[in-house]
Amino acid sequence: MEAQDSAPDPDTIRAVRALGDGREQVRLRAALAIGTSPDPRFVGKLIERCAIEPEFQVREMLTWALTRHSSSITVPALLSGLRSEAARARSQALHTLSKIAEPRAWPAITRELLTDTDGEVARAAWRAGVALVPEGEEPWLAEVLATQLGRGERETRLSLSRALIGLGAAMLPTLRTALRDLDPRVRAHALATDRWYRDPDTAFECAIEEAKRVVALGTGRSG
């Protein structure tokens, strides 16, 4: 959507104001309205709201509204959000970048973001990394992702396994190394990821429980 010379649509202006309403459904409808009639002058307001919006459904609608605008406008603004001290701002910027999938955003997917101490930010960075990684950079991304094996609880481990599997065969050498790690949590997570990759029909929970048993029996380090 190119920049507009005319005055903003009154309905869109009202929708932007409604983004700060205390009612979730009002904010949801406002984000829908802005995305339906995209106006580049309101991209900043959408990003500002993403950084503080507490409700998941509204954040998803805000992300959709941003994807309706030209990436030449949204991407630079989102890249600035990656430097925010607020974890929500970083995670939402990463999430939106993964949806836009603009290749020039790749250099912003740093090791620091991929290993962020905030779980929501890290998960968003993993998804964005897989969505944006250029050909030839997959081994580097797999190496960084592998440093997070064994981290967190089910949701985090599931997200990391999905990201690694999303890299395809490029992640296998790194995964084989992780299968020999001294930390049993890392070995179990690596083994579960490997089995899930080789048999996608296997439920992740089954793969991780089986991997834990294999590691506990001392047979999971050889790979």
N, C-alpha and C. Protein backbone atom coordinates (compact mmCIF):
# COMPACT_ATOMS: atom_id res chain seq x y z
N MET A 1 0.85 -1.19 0.00
CA MET A 1 0.00 0.00 0.00
C MET A 1 0.88 1.24 0.00
N GLU A 2 0.73 2.09 -1.00
CA GLU A 2 1.54 3.29 -1.10
C GLU A 2 1.02 4.37 -0.15
N ALA A 3 1.90 5.31 0.17
CA ALA A 3 1.51 6.41 1.04
C ALA A 3 0.37 7.19 0.40
N GLN A 4 -0.53 7.68 1.22
CA GLN A 4 -1.71 8.37 0.73
C GLN A 4 -1.56 9.86 0.96
N ASP A 5 -2.02 10.66 -0.02
CA ASP A 5 -1.95 12.11 0.08
C ASP A 5 -3.20 12.69 0.73
N SER A 6 -4.30 11.95 0.66
CA SER A 6 -5.56 12.47 1.20
C SER A 6 -5.57 12.36 2.71
N ALA A 7 -6.54 13.02 3.31
CA ALA A 7 -6.70 12.96 4.77
C ALA A 7 -7.08 11.55 5.18
N PRO A 8 -6.65 11.12 6.36
CA PRO A 8 -7.00 9.78 6.83
C PRO A 8 -8.52 9.59 6.88
N ASP A 9 -8.95 8.39 6.60
CA ASP A 9 -10.37 8.06 6.66
C ASP A 9 -10.87 8.23 8.11
N PRO A 10 -12.00 8.92 8.31
CA PRO A 10 -12.50 9.15 9.68
C PRO A 10 -12.72 7.87 10.45
N ASP A 11 -13.21 6.83 9.77
CA ASP A 11 -13.44 5.55 10.45
C ASP A 11 -12.11 4.95 10.93
N THR A 12 -11.07 5.11 10.12
CA THR A 12 -9.77 4.59 10.52
C THR A 12 -9.21 5.35 11.70
N ILE A 13 -9.42 6.66 11.70
CA ILE A 13 -8.97 7.48 12.83
C ILE A 13 -9.66 7.04 14.12
N ARG A 14 -10.96 6.79 14.03
CA ARG A 14 -11.70 6.31 15.20
C ARG A 14 -11.18 4.94 15.65
N ALA A 15 -10.84 4.09 14.67
CA ALA A 15 -10.33 2.77 15.00
C ALA A 15 -8.99 2.87 15.72
N VAL A 16 -8.13 3.77 15.28
CA VAL A 16 -6.83 3.96 15.94
C VAL A 16 -7.03 4.39 17.38
N ARG A 17 -7.96 5.30 17.60
CA ARG A 17 -8.25 5.73 18.98
C ARG A 17 -8.79 4.58 19.82
N ALA A 18 -9.57 3.71 19.17
CA ALA A 18 -10.19 2.59 19.88
C ALA A 18 -9.17 1.52 20.27
N LEU A 19 -7.96 1.56 19.72
CA LEU A 19 -6.94 0.58 20.10
C LEU A 19 -6.60 0.66 21.58
N GLY A 20 -6.86 1.81 22.19
CA GLY A 20 -6.58 1.96 23.60
C GLY A 20 -7.78 1.74 24.50
N ASP A 21 -8.89 1.29 23.92
CA ASP A 21 -10.10 1.04 24.71
C ASP A 21 -9.87 -0.08 25.71
N GLY A 22 -10.55 0.00 26.84
CA GLY A 22 -10.38 -1.01 27.88
C GLY A 22 -11.04 -2.33 27.58
N ARG A 23 -11.88 -2.38 26.54
CA ARG A 23 -12.60 -3.62 26.21
C ARG A 23 -11.88 -4.36 25.08
N GLU A 24 -11.63 -5.65 25.32
CA GLU A 24 -10.89 -6.45 24.35
C GLU A 24 -11.57 -6.48 22.98
N GLN A 25 -12.87 -6.70 22.96
CA GLN A 25 -13.57 -6.81 21.68
C GLN A 25 -13.52 -5.51 20.88
N VAL A 26 -13.52 -4.40 21.57
CA VAL A 26 -13.42 -3.10 20.87
C VAL A 26 -12.04 -2.98 20.23
N ARG A 27 -11.01 -3.35 20.95
CA ARG A 27 -9.65 -3.29 20.40
C ARG A 27 -9.50 -4.26 19.23
N LEU A 28 -10.13 -5.42 19.35
CA LEU A 28 -10.06 -6.41 18.28
C LEU A 28 -10.69 -5.88 17.00
N ARG A 29 -11.87 -5.28 17.14
CA ARG A 29 -12.56 -4.72 15.97
C ARG A 29 -11.78 -3.55 15.39
N ALA A 30 -11.13 -2.79 16.25
CA ALA A 30 -10.35 -1.64 15.78
C ALA A 30 -9.17 -2.11 14.93
N ALA A 31 -8.46 -3.14 15.39
CA ALA A 31 -7.33 -3.66 14.62
C ALA A 31 -7.81 -4.22 13.29
N LEU A 32 -8.96 -4.89 13.29
CA LEU A 32 -9.53 -5.41 12.05
C LEU A 32 -9.84 -4.28 11.08
N ALA A 33 -10.41 -3.22 11.59
CA ALA A 33 -10.79 -2.09 10.74
C ALA A 33 -9.55 -1.44 10.11
N ILE A 34 -8.48 -1.31 10.89
CA ILE A 34 -7.26 -0.68 10.37
C ILE A 34 -6.62 -1.57 9.31
N GLY A 35 -6.65 -2.87 9.55
CA GLY A 35 -6.09 -3.78 8.55
C GLY A 35 -6.92 -3.84 7.29
N THR A 36 -8.22 -3.65 7.43
CA THR A 36 -9.11 -3.68 6.27
C THR A 36 -8.90 -2.46 5.38
N SER A 37 -8.58 -1.34 5.99
CA SER A 37 -8.32 -0.10 5.24
C SER A 37 -6.93 0.42 5.62
N PRO A 38 -5.88 -0.26 5.17
CA PRO A 38 -4.52 0.10 5.61
C PRO A 38 -4.13 1.53 5.23
N ASP A 39 -3.48 2.19 6.16
CA ASP A 39 -2.99 3.55 5.95
C ASP A 39 -1.61 3.62 6.60
N PRO A 40 -0.56 3.88 5.81
CA PRO A 40 0.81 3.86 6.36
C PRO A 40 1.03 4.84 7.49
N ARG A 41 0.19 5.85 7.60
CA ARG A 41 0.35 6.83 8.66
C ARG A 41 0.07 6.25 10.04
N PHE A 42 -0.56 5.08 10.09
CA PHE A 42 -0.93 4.49 11.38
C PHE A 42 -0.08 3.27 11.75
N VAL A 43 0.94 2.98 10.97
CA VAL A 43 1.81 1.83 11.26
C VAL A 43 2.45 1.98 12.64
N GLY A 44 2.93 3.18 12.93
CA GLY A 44 3.55 3.40 14.24
C GLY A 44 2.61 3.12 15.39
N LYS A 45 1.34 3.53 15.24
CA LYS A 45 0.36 3.29 16.30
C LYS A 45 0.10 1.80 16.49
N LEU A 46 0.07 1.05 15.38
CA LEU A 46 -0.13 -0.39 15.48
C LEU A 46 1.02 -1.05 16.23
N ILE A 47 2.24 -0.64 15.91
CA ILE A 47 3.42 -1.23 16.57
C ILE A 47 3.47 -0.84 18.04
N GLU A 48 3.12 0.38 18.34
CA GLU A 48 3.07 0.81 19.74
C GLU A 48 2.08 -0.03 20.53
N ARG A 49 0.92 -0.32 19.92
CA ARG A 49 -0.09 -1.10 20.64
C ARG A 49 0.37 -2.55 20.79
N CYS A 50 1.03 -3.08 19.78
CA CYS A 50 1.55 -4.45 19.87
C CYS A 50 2.45 -4.62 21.09
N ALA A 51 3.22 -3.59 21.39
CA ALA A 51 4.20 -3.67 22.47
C ALA A 51 3.58 -3.74 23.85
N ILE A 52 2.30 -3.36 23.97
CA ILE A 52 1.68 -3.33 25.30
C ILE A 52 0.37 -4.11 25.37
N GLU A 53 -0.12 -4.61 24.23
CA GLU A 53 -1.41 -5.31 24.21
C GLU A 53 -1.33 -6.61 25.01
N PRO A 54 -2.22 -6.79 26.02
CA PRO A 54 -2.14 -7.98 26.87
C PRO A 54 -2.83 -9.22 26.31
N GLU A 55 -3.77 -9.05 25.36
CA GLU A 55 -4.56 -10.18 24.89
C GLU A 55 -4.00 -10.77 23.59
N PHE A 56 -3.85 -12.09 23.59
CA PHE A 56 -3.25 -12.78 22.44
C PHE A 56 -4.03 -12.54 21.15
N GLN A 57 -5.36 -12.68 21.19
CA GLN A 57 -6.16 -12.52 19.98
C GLN A 57 -6.02 -11.13 19.38
N VAL A 58 -5.96 -10.13 20.23
CA VAL A 58 -5.80 -8.76 19.74
C VAL A 58 -4.41 -8.58 19.14
N ARG A 59 -3.40 -9.15 19.78
CA ARG A 59 -2.04 -9.04 19.23
C ARG A 59 -1.96 -9.69 17.86
N GLU A 60 -2.64 -10.83 17.69
CA GLU A 60 -2.65 -11.49 16.39
C GLU A 60 -3.33 -10.63 15.33
N MET A 61 -4.40 -9.94 15.71
CA MET A 61 -5.09 -9.06 14.76
C MET A 61 -4.23 -7.84 14.43
N LEU A 62 -3.51 -7.34 15.42
CA LEU A 62 -2.60 -6.23 15.18
C LEU A 62 -1.50 -6.64 14.20
N THR A 63 -0.98 -7.85 14.39
CA THR A 63 0.04 -8.37 13.48
C THR A 63 -0.52 -8.48 12.07
N TRP A 64 -1.73 -9.01 11.96
CA TRP A 64 -2.36 -9.11 10.64
C TRP A 64 -2.51 -7.74 10.00
N ALA A 65 -2.92 -6.76 10.79
CA ALA A 65 -3.08 -5.41 10.26
C ALA A 65 -1.75 -4.86 9.75
N LEU A 66 -0.67 -5.16 10.45
CA LEU A 66 0.64 -4.70 10.00
C LEU A 66 1.05 -5.37 8.69
N THR A 67 0.72 -6.65 8.55
CA THR A 67 1.09 -7.34 7.31
C THR A 67 0.33 -6.81 6.10
N ARG A 68 -0.74 -6.08 6.34
CA ARG A 68 -1.52 -5.49 5.26
C ARG A 68 -0.87 -4.22 4.70
N HIS A 69 0.15 -3.73 5.39
CA HIS A 69 0.84 -2.52 4.95
C HIS A 69 2.13 -2.89 4.22
N SER A 70 2.68 -1.95 3.50
CA SER A 70 3.90 -2.18 2.74
C SER A 70 5.07 -2.51 3.67
N SER A 71 5.82 -3.55 3.33
CA SER A 71 6.97 -3.94 4.14
C SER A 71 8.04 -2.86 4.17
N SER A 72 8.06 -1.98 3.15
CA SER A 72 9.05 -0.90 3.13
C SER A 72 8.82 0.07 4.28
N ILE A 73 7.61 0.08 4.82
CA ILE A 73 7.28 0.94 5.95
C ILE A 73 7.32 0.17 7.27
N THR A 74 6.75 -1.02 7.26
CA THR A 74 6.64 -1.77 8.52
C THR A 74 7.97 -2.34 8.99
N VAL A 75 8.77 -2.89 8.08
CA VAL A 75 10.00 -3.58 8.50
C VAL A 75 10.97 -2.65 9.24
N PRO A 76 11.29 -1.46 8.72
CA PRO A 76 12.20 -0.59 9.49
C PRO A 76 11.68 -0.26 10.89
N ALA A 77 10.37 -0.05 11.00
CA ALA A 77 9.80 0.26 12.30
C ALA A 77 9.88 -0.94 13.24
N LEU A 78 9.65 -2.13 12.71
CA LEU A 78 9.73 -3.34 13.53
C LEU A 78 11.16 -3.63 13.96
N LEU A 79 12.11 -3.36 13.09
CA LEU A 79 13.52 -3.57 13.45
C LEU A 79 13.91 -2.68 14.62
N SER A 80 13.38 -1.50 14.67
CA SER A 80 13.64 -0.62 15.81
C SER A 80 13.08 -1.22 17.09
N GLY A 81 11.95 -1.91 16.97
CA GLY A 81 11.34 -2.54 18.14
C GLY A 81 12.18 -3.65 18.74
N LEU A 82 13.07 -4.22 17.95
CA LEU A 82 13.92 -5.29 18.46
C LEU A 82 14.92 -4.78 19.49
N ARG A 83 15.13 -3.48 19.52
CA ARG A 83 16.09 -2.90 20.47
C ARG A 83 15.40 -2.42 21.75
N SER A 84 14.10 -2.65 21.84
CA SER A 84 13.35 -2.20 23.02
C SER A 84 13.77 -2.97 24.27
N GLU A 85 13.72 -2.31 25.40
CA GLU A 85 13.99 -2.99 26.67
C GLU A 85 12.79 -3.83 27.11
N ALA A 86 11.63 -3.59 26.53
CA ALA A 86 10.41 -4.32 26.89
C ALA A 86 10.36 -5.65 26.13
N ALA A 87 10.26 -6.75 26.86
CA ALA A 87 10.24 -8.07 26.23
C ALA A 87 9.06 -8.22 25.28
N ARG A 88 7.89 -7.73 25.65
CA ARG A 88 6.71 -7.84 24.80
C ARG A 88 6.94 -7.13 23.47
N ALA A 89 7.58 -5.98 23.51
CA ALA A 89 7.85 -5.24 22.27
C ALA A 89 8.79 -6.05 21.37
N ARG A 90 9.82 -6.66 21.94
CA ARG A 90 10.76 -7.45 21.14
C ARG A 90 10.08 -8.68 20.56
N SER A 91 9.31 -9.38 21.39
CA SER A 91 8.68 -10.61 20.92
C SER A 91 7.65 -10.34 19.83
N GLN A 92 6.87 -9.27 19.97
CA GLN A 92 5.87 -8.96 18.96
C GLN A 92 6.50 -8.48 17.66
N ALA A 93 7.58 -7.73 17.77
CA ALA A 93 8.29 -7.31 16.56
C ALA A 93 8.83 -8.53 15.82
N LEU A 94 9.39 -9.46 16.54
CA LEU A 94 9.91 -10.68 15.93
C LEU A 94 8.78 -11.50 15.31
N HIS A 95 7.69 -11.62 16.02
CA HIS A 95 6.55 -12.40 15.52
C HIS A 95 6.03 -11.80 14.22
N THR A 96 5.91 -10.48 14.18
CA THR A 96 5.40 -9.83 12.97
C THR A 96 6.39 -9.96 11.83
N LEU A 97 7.67 -9.84 12.12
CA LEU A 97 8.69 -10.02 11.08
C LEU A 97 8.63 -11.43 10.49
N SER A 98 8.34 -12.42 11.33
CA SER A 98 8.25 -13.79 10.82
C SER A 98 7.05 -13.94 9.88
N LYS A 99 6.00 -13.17 10.11
CA LYS A 99 4.82 -13.23 9.26
C LYS A 99 5.05 -12.48 7.94
N ILE A 100 5.76 -11.37 8.01
CA ILE A 100 6.04 -10.61 6.80
C ILE A 100 7.08 -11.32 5.94
N ALA A 101 8.05 -11.98 6.61
CA ALA A 101 9.08 -12.78 5.93
C ALA A 101 9.85 -11.97 4.89
N GLU A 102 10.23 -10.77 5.27
CA GLU A 102 11.04 -9.91 4.40
C GLU A 102 12.51 -10.28 4.57
N PRO A 103 13.18 -10.79 3.53
CA PRO A 103 14.56 -11.28 3.66
C PRO A 103 15.54 -10.28 4.25
N ARG A 104 15.35 -9.00 3.99
CA ARG A 104 16.33 -8.03 4.47
C ARG A 104 16.30 -7.85 5.99
N ALA A 105 15.34 -8.49 6.65
CA ALA A 105 15.30 -8.43 8.11
C ALA A 105 16.23 -9.46 8.75
N TRP A 106 16.76 -10.39 7.98
CA TRP A 106 17.58 -11.47 8.53
C TRP A 106 18.74 -10.99 9.39
N PRO A 107 19.53 -9.99 8.97
CA PRO A 107 20.67 -9.58 9.81
C PRO A 107 20.29 -9.17 11.23
N ALA A 108 19.03 -8.83 11.45
CA ALA A 108 18.60 -8.41 12.78
C ALA A 108 18.34 -9.60 13.71
N ILE A 109 18.32 -10.82 13.15
CA ILE A 109 18.10 -12.02 13.99
C ILE A 109 19.44 -12.43 14.57
N THR A 110 19.79 -11.83 15.67
CA THR A 110 21.10 -12.01 16.27
C THR A 110 21.13 -13.17 17.27
N ARG A 111 22.34 -13.57 17.60
CA ARG A 111 22.52 -14.60 18.64
C ARG A 111 21.87 -14.15 19.95
N GLU A 112 21.99 -12.85 20.24
CA GLU A 112 21.42 -12.33 21.48
C GLU A 112 19.92 -12.54 21.54
N LEU A 113 19.22 -12.30 20.43
CA LEU A 113 17.77 -12.51 20.40
C LEU A 113 17.44 -14.00 20.45
N LEU A 114 18.20 -14.80 19.74
CA LEU A 114 17.94 -16.25 19.69
C LEU A 114 18.17 -16.92 21.04
N THR A 115 18.94 -16.27 21.91
CA THR A 115 19.22 -16.83 23.23
C THR A 115 18.68 -15.92 24.34
N ASP A 116 17.73 -15.07 23.99
CA ASP A 116 17.17 -14.12 24.95
C ASP A 116 16.68 -14.86 26.20
N THR A 117 16.91 -14.26 27.36
CA THR A 117 16.50 -14.92 28.61
C THR A 117 14.99 -14.96 28.77
N ASP A 118 14.27 -14.09 28.08
CA ASP A 118 12.81 -14.13 28.12
C ASP A 118 12.33 -15.21 27.15
N GLY A 119 11.58 -16.16 27.65
CA GLY A 119 11.15 -17.29 26.83
C GLY A 119 10.30 -16.88 25.65
N GLU A 120 9.41 -15.92 25.83
CA GLU A 120 8.54 -15.49 24.74
C GLU A 120 9.35 -14.85 23.61
N VAL A 121 10.35 -14.06 23.98
CA VAL A 121 11.21 -13.44 22.98
C VAL A 121 12.02 -14.50 22.24
N ALA A 122 12.60 -15.43 22.98
CA ALA A 122 13.41 -16.47 22.35
C ALA A 122 12.59 -17.30 21.38
N ARG A 123 11.39 -17.71 21.78
CA ARG A 123 10.55 -18.51 20.88
C ARG A 123 10.20 -17.75 19.61
N ALA A 124 9.89 -16.46 19.78
CA ALA A 124 9.58 -15.64 18.60
C ALA A 124 10.81 -15.50 17.71
N ALA A 125 11.98 -15.39 18.31
CA ALA A 125 13.22 -15.28 17.52
C ALA A 125 13.49 -16.57 16.76
N TRP A 126 13.21 -17.71 17.38
CA TRP A 126 13.42 -18.99 16.68
C TRP A 126 12.53 -19.08 15.46
N ARG A 127 11.27 -18.71 15.62
CA ARG A 127 10.35 -18.76 14.47
C ARG A 127 10.77 -17.78 13.38
N ALA A 128 11.15 -16.59 13.79
CA ALA A 128 11.57 -15.59 12.82
C ALA A 128 12.84 -16.04 12.10
N GLY A 129 13.76 -16.64 12.85
CA GLY A 129 15.00 -17.10 12.25
C GLY A 129 14.76 -18.12 11.15
N VAL A 130 13.90 -19.08 11.43
CA VAL A 130 13.59 -20.11 10.43
C VAL A 130 12.87 -19.51 9.23
N ALA A 131 12.01 -18.53 9.47
CA ALA A 131 11.26 -17.90 8.37
C ALA A 131 12.16 -17.05 7.47
N LEU A 132 13.23 -16.50 8.04
CA LEU A 132 14.03 -15.52 7.32
C LEU A 132 15.40 -16.02 6.87
N VAL A 133 15.84 -17.15 7.40
CA VAL A 133 17.22 -17.58 7.14
C VAL A 133 17.48 -17.74 5.65
N PRO A 134 18.54 -17.12 5.14
CA PRO A 134 18.87 -17.27 3.72
C PRO A 134 19.64 -18.57 3.46
N GLU A 135 19.65 -19.00 2.24
CA GLU A 135 20.36 -20.22 1.88
C GLU A 135 21.83 -20.09 2.26
N GLY A 136 22.32 -21.11 2.93
CA GLY A 136 23.71 -21.13 3.35
C GLY A 136 23.92 -20.77 4.81
N GLU A 137 22.94 -20.13 5.42
CA GLU A 137 23.05 -19.73 6.82
C GLU A 137 22.38 -20.71 7.78
N GLU A 138 21.77 -21.76 7.23
CA GLU A 138 21.06 -22.72 8.08
C GLU A 138 21.98 -23.40 9.11
N PRO A 139 23.20 -23.81 8.74
CA PRO A 139 24.06 -24.44 9.75
C PRO A 139 24.36 -23.51 10.93
N TRP A 140 24.61 -22.23 10.64
CA TRP A 140 24.86 -21.29 11.73
C TRP A 140 23.65 -21.19 12.64
N LEU A 141 22.46 -21.06 12.04
CA LEU A 141 21.25 -20.95 12.84
C LEU A 141 21.02 -22.21 13.66
N ALA A 142 21.25 -23.36 13.06
CA ALA A 142 21.09 -24.62 13.80
C ALA A 142 22.05 -24.70 14.98
N GLU A 143 23.27 -24.22 14.78
CA GLU A 143 24.26 -24.24 15.86
C GLU A 143 23.82 -23.38 17.03
N VAL A 144 23.29 -22.20 16.73
CA VAL A 144 22.81 -21.32 17.81
C VAL A 144 21.59 -21.92 18.49
N LEU A 145 20.65 -22.43 17.71
CA LEU A 145 19.45 -23.03 18.29
C LEU A 145 19.80 -24.21 19.18
N ALA A 146 20.80 -24.97 18.78
CA ALA A 146 21.18 -26.16 19.56
C ALA A 146 21.68 -25.80 20.95
N THR A 147 22.19 -24.57 21.12
CA THR A 147 22.64 -24.16 22.46
C THR A 147 21.47 -24.02 23.42
N GLN A 148 20.25 -24.03 22.90
CA GLN A 148 19.06 -23.88 23.73
C GLN A 148 18.38 -25.22 24.04
N LEU A 149 18.91 -26.30 23.53
CA LEU A 149 18.33 -27.62 23.80
C LEU A 149 18.30 -27.89 25.30
N GLY A 150 17.19 -28.43 25.76
CA GLY A 150 17.03 -28.71 27.18
C GLY A 150 16.47 -27.54 27.97
N ARG A 151 16.26 -26.43 27.31
CA ARG A 151 15.79 -25.22 28.00
C ARG A 151 14.29 -25.26 28.26
N GLY A 152 13.88 -24.83 29.43
CA GLY A 152 12.48 -24.58 29.71
C GLY A 152 11.59 -25.80 29.82
N GLU A 153 10.30 -25.53 29.78
CA GLU A 153 9.30 -26.58 29.90
C GLU A 153 8.78 -26.97 28.52
N ARG A 154 7.65 -27.71 28.49
CA ARG A 154 7.15 -28.32 27.27
C ARG A 154 7.01 -27.33 26.12
N GLU A 155 6.36 -26.18 26.37
CA GLU A 155 6.08 -25.24 25.29
C GLU A 155 7.38 -24.75 24.64
N THR A 156 8.36 -24.45 25.47
CA THR A 156 9.63 -23.96 24.95
C THR A 156 10.36 -25.05 24.18
N ARG A 157 10.39 -26.25 24.71
CA ARG A 157 11.10 -27.34 24.04
C ARG A 157 10.41 -27.72 22.73
N LEU A 158 9.10 -27.72 22.74
CA LEU A 158 8.35 -28.01 21.52
C LEU A 158 8.64 -26.96 20.44
N SER A 159 8.67 -25.71 20.85
CA SER A 159 8.94 -24.62 19.90
C SER A 159 10.34 -24.74 19.32
N LEU A 160 11.31 -25.07 20.15
CA LEU A 160 12.68 -25.22 19.67
C LEU A 160 12.81 -26.40 18.72
N SER A 161 12.19 -27.50 19.04
CA SER A 161 12.24 -28.67 18.16
C SER A 161 11.62 -28.35 16.81
N ARG A 162 10.50 -27.65 16.82
CA ARG A 162 9.87 -27.24 15.56
C ARG A 162 10.82 -26.38 14.73
N ALA A 163 11.50 -25.46 15.39
CA ALA A 163 12.42 -24.58 14.67
C ALA A 163 13.56 -25.38 14.06
N LEU A 164 14.14 -26.28 14.83
CA LEU A 164 15.24 -27.09 14.31
C LEU A 164 14.77 -27.95 13.13
N ILE A 165 13.62 -28.57 13.29
CA ILE A 165 13.09 -29.42 12.22
C ILE A 165 12.78 -28.57 10.98
N GLY A 166 12.39 -27.32 11.21
CA GLY A 166 12.11 -26.42 10.09
C GLY A 166 13.34 -26.15 9.23
N LEU A 167 14.53 -26.39 9.79
CA LEU A 167 15.76 -26.19 9.03
C LEU A 167 16.11 -27.41 8.18
N GLY A 168 15.37 -28.50 8.37
CA GLY A 168 15.59 -29.70 7.56
C GLY A 168 16.92 -30.37 7.86
N ALA A 169 17.47 -31.01 6.86
CA ALA A 169 18.69 -31.80 7.03
C ALA A 169 19.88 -30.95 7.47
N ALA A 170 19.82 -29.65 7.27
CA ALA A 170 20.94 -28.78 7.65
C ALA A 170 21.21 -28.81 9.15
N MET A 171 20.21 -29.22 9.93
CA MET A 171 20.41 -29.21 11.39
C MET A 171 20.94 -30.54 11.90
N LEU A 172 21.00 -31.56 11.07
CA LEU A 172 21.37 -32.89 11.56
C LEU A 172 22.78 -32.99 12.13
N PRO A 173 23.81 -32.41 11.51
CA PRO A 173 25.15 -32.50 12.11
C PRO A 173 25.20 -31.89 13.51
N THR A 174 24.56 -30.75 13.68
CA THR A 174 24.52 -30.13 15.00
C THR A 174 23.75 -30.97 15.99
N LEU A 175 22.67 -31.58 15.54
CA LEU A 175 21.86 -32.42 16.41
C LEU A 175 22.65 -33.65 16.85
N ARG A 176 23.42 -34.22 15.93
CA ARG A 176 24.25 -35.39 16.29
C ARG A 176 25.25 -35.03 17.37
N THR A 177 25.81 -33.85 17.30
CA THR A 177 26.74 -33.40 18.35
C THR A 177 26.02 -33.29 19.68
N ALA A 178 24.81 -32.74 19.66
CA ALA A 178 24.04 -32.58 20.89
C ALA A 178 23.67 -33.91 21.52
N LEU A 179 23.57 -34.97 20.72
CA LEU A 179 23.25 -36.30 21.25
C LEU A 179 24.36 -36.84 22.14
N ARG A 180 25.54 -36.23 22.08
CA ARG A 180 26.68 -36.66 22.90
C ARG A 180 26.96 -35.68 24.03
N ASP A 181 26.06 -34.71 24.23
CA ASP A 181 26.26 -33.70 25.26
C ASP A 181 26.27 -34.35 26.65
N LEU A 182 27.02 -33.75 27.56
CA LEU A 182 27.11 -34.29 28.92
C LEU A 182 25.82 -34.08 29.73
N ASP A 183 25.03 -33.09 29.34
CA ASP A 183 23.80 -32.78 30.06
C ASP A 183 22.69 -33.72 29.57
N PRO A 184 22.11 -34.53 30.46
CA PRO A 184 21.05 -35.46 30.03
C PRO A 184 19.81 -34.77 29.48
N ARG A 185 19.54 -33.55 29.94
CA ARG A 185 18.39 -32.81 29.41
C ARG A 185 18.61 -32.43 27.95
N VAL A 186 19.83 -32.06 27.64
CA VAL A 186 20.16 -31.71 26.25
C VAL A 186 20.08 -32.95 25.37
N ARG A 187 20.65 -34.08 25.85
CA ARG A 187 20.61 -35.31 25.07
C ARG A 187 19.18 -35.78 24.82
N ALA A 188 18.36 -35.71 25.85
CA ALA A 188 16.97 -36.16 25.70
C ALA A 188 16.21 -35.28 24.71
N HIS A 189 16.42 -33.98 24.79
CA HIS A 189 15.72 -33.07 23.89
C HIS A 189 16.22 -33.28 22.46
N ALA A 190 17.52 -33.45 22.30
CA ALA A 190 18.08 -33.69 20.96
C ALA A 190 17.56 -35.00 20.38
N LEU A 191 17.50 -36.04 21.19
CA LEU A 191 17.02 -37.34 20.72
C LEU A 191 15.54 -37.27 20.34
N ALA A 192 14.75 -36.58 21.15
CA ALA A 192 13.33 -36.43 20.84
C ALA A 192 13.14 -35.66 19.53
N THR A 193 13.95 -34.63 19.34
CA THR A 193 13.86 -33.84 18.11
C THR A 193 14.23 -34.69 16.90
N ASP A 194 15.28 -35.49 17.05
CA ASP A 194 15.72 -36.36 15.96
C ASP A 194 14.63 -37.37 15.59
N ARG A 195 13.99 -37.96 16.59
CA ARG A 195 12.96 -38.96 16.33
C ARG A 195 11.70 -38.32 15.74
N TRP A 196 11.40 -37.12 16.19
CA TRP A 196 10.25 -36.40 15.64
C TRP A 196 10.52 -36.02 14.19
N TYR A 197 11.75 -35.63 13.90
CA TYR A 197 12.13 -35.27 12.53
C TYR A 197 11.99 -36.48 11.60
N ARG A 198 12.44 -37.64 12.07
CA ARG A 198 12.42 -38.84 11.25
C ARG A 198 11.03 -39.47 11.16
N ASP A 199 10.20 -39.20 12.16
CA ASP A 199 8.84 -39.74 12.15
C ASP A 199 7.87 -38.63 12.56
N PRO A 200 7.47 -37.77 11.63
CA PRO A 200 6.61 -36.62 11.96
C PRO A 200 5.27 -37.01 12.55
N ASP A 201 4.83 -38.24 12.32
CA ASP A 201 3.54 -38.66 12.85
C ASP A 201 3.60 -38.97 14.35
N THR A 202 4.80 -39.07 14.89
CA THR A 202 4.97 -39.32 16.32
C THR A 202 4.65 -38.05 17.10
N ALA A 203 3.85 -38.16 18.13
CA ALA A 203 3.54 -37.01 18.96
C ALA A 203 4.80 -36.58 19.70
N PHE A 204 5.01 -35.28 19.86
CA PHE A 204 6.21 -34.78 20.52
C PHE A 204 6.30 -35.31 21.94
N GLU A 205 5.17 -35.37 22.64
CA GLU A 205 5.19 -35.87 24.02
C GLU A 205 5.72 -37.30 24.08
N CYS A 206 5.29 -38.12 23.12
CA CYS A 206 5.77 -39.50 23.09
C CYS A 206 7.26 -39.55 22.80
N ALA A 207 7.70 -38.71 21.87
CA ALA A 207 9.11 -38.69 21.51
C ALA A 207 9.97 -38.25 22.69
N ILE A 208 9.54 -37.25 23.42
CA ILE A 208 10.34 -36.74 24.53
C ILE A 208 10.37 -37.74 25.69
N GLU A 209 9.24 -38.40 25.96
CA GLU A 209 9.21 -39.38 27.05
C GLU A 209 10.08 -40.59 26.70
N GLU A 210 10.01 -41.04 25.45
CA GLU A 210 10.86 -42.15 25.04
C GLU A 210 12.33 -41.76 25.11
N ALA A 211 12.64 -40.54 24.71
CA ALA A 211 14.02 -40.06 24.75
C ALA A 211 14.53 -40.01 26.18
N LYS A 212 13.69 -39.58 27.10
CA LYS A 212 14.11 -39.54 28.51
C LYS A 212 14.44 -40.93 29.02
N ARG A 213 13.63 -41.91 28.63
CA ARG A 213 13.89 -43.29 29.06
C ARG A 213 15.21 -43.80 28.48
N VAL A 214 15.44 -43.52 27.20
CA VAL A 214 16.67 -43.97 26.54
C VAL A 214 17.89 -43.36 27.24
N VAL A 215 17.84 -42.07 27.51
CA VAL A 215 18.95 -41.39 28.16
C VAL A 215 19.16 -41.93 29.57
N ALA A 216 18.07 -42.16 30.29
CA ALA A 216 18.18 -42.68 31.65
C ALA A 216 18.84 -44.06 31.68
N LEU A 217 18.63 -44.83 30.61
CA LEU A 217 19.24 -46.16 30.53
C LEU A 217 20.69 -46.10 30.04
N GLY A 218 21.11 -44.89 29.68
CA GLY A 218 22.50 -44.73 29.26
C GLY A 218 22.78 -45.10 27.84
N THR A 219 21.73 -45.15 26.99
CA THR A 219 21.94 -45.57 25.60
C THR A 219 21.70 -44.44 24.61
N GLY A 220 21.59 -43.21 25.12
CA GLY A 220 21.23 -42.11 24.24
C GLY A 220 22.38 -41.22 23.83
N ARG A 221 23.63 -41.56 24.18
CA ARG A 221 24.72 -40.65 23.90
C ARG A 221 25.46 -40.98 22.60
N SER A 222 25.24 -42.12 22.08
CA SER A 222 26.00 -42.49 20.89
C SER A 222 25.43 -41.85 19.64
N GLY A 223 24.08 -41.55 19.63
CA GLY A 223 23.44 -40.98 18.46
C GLY A 223 23.22 -42.03 17.41
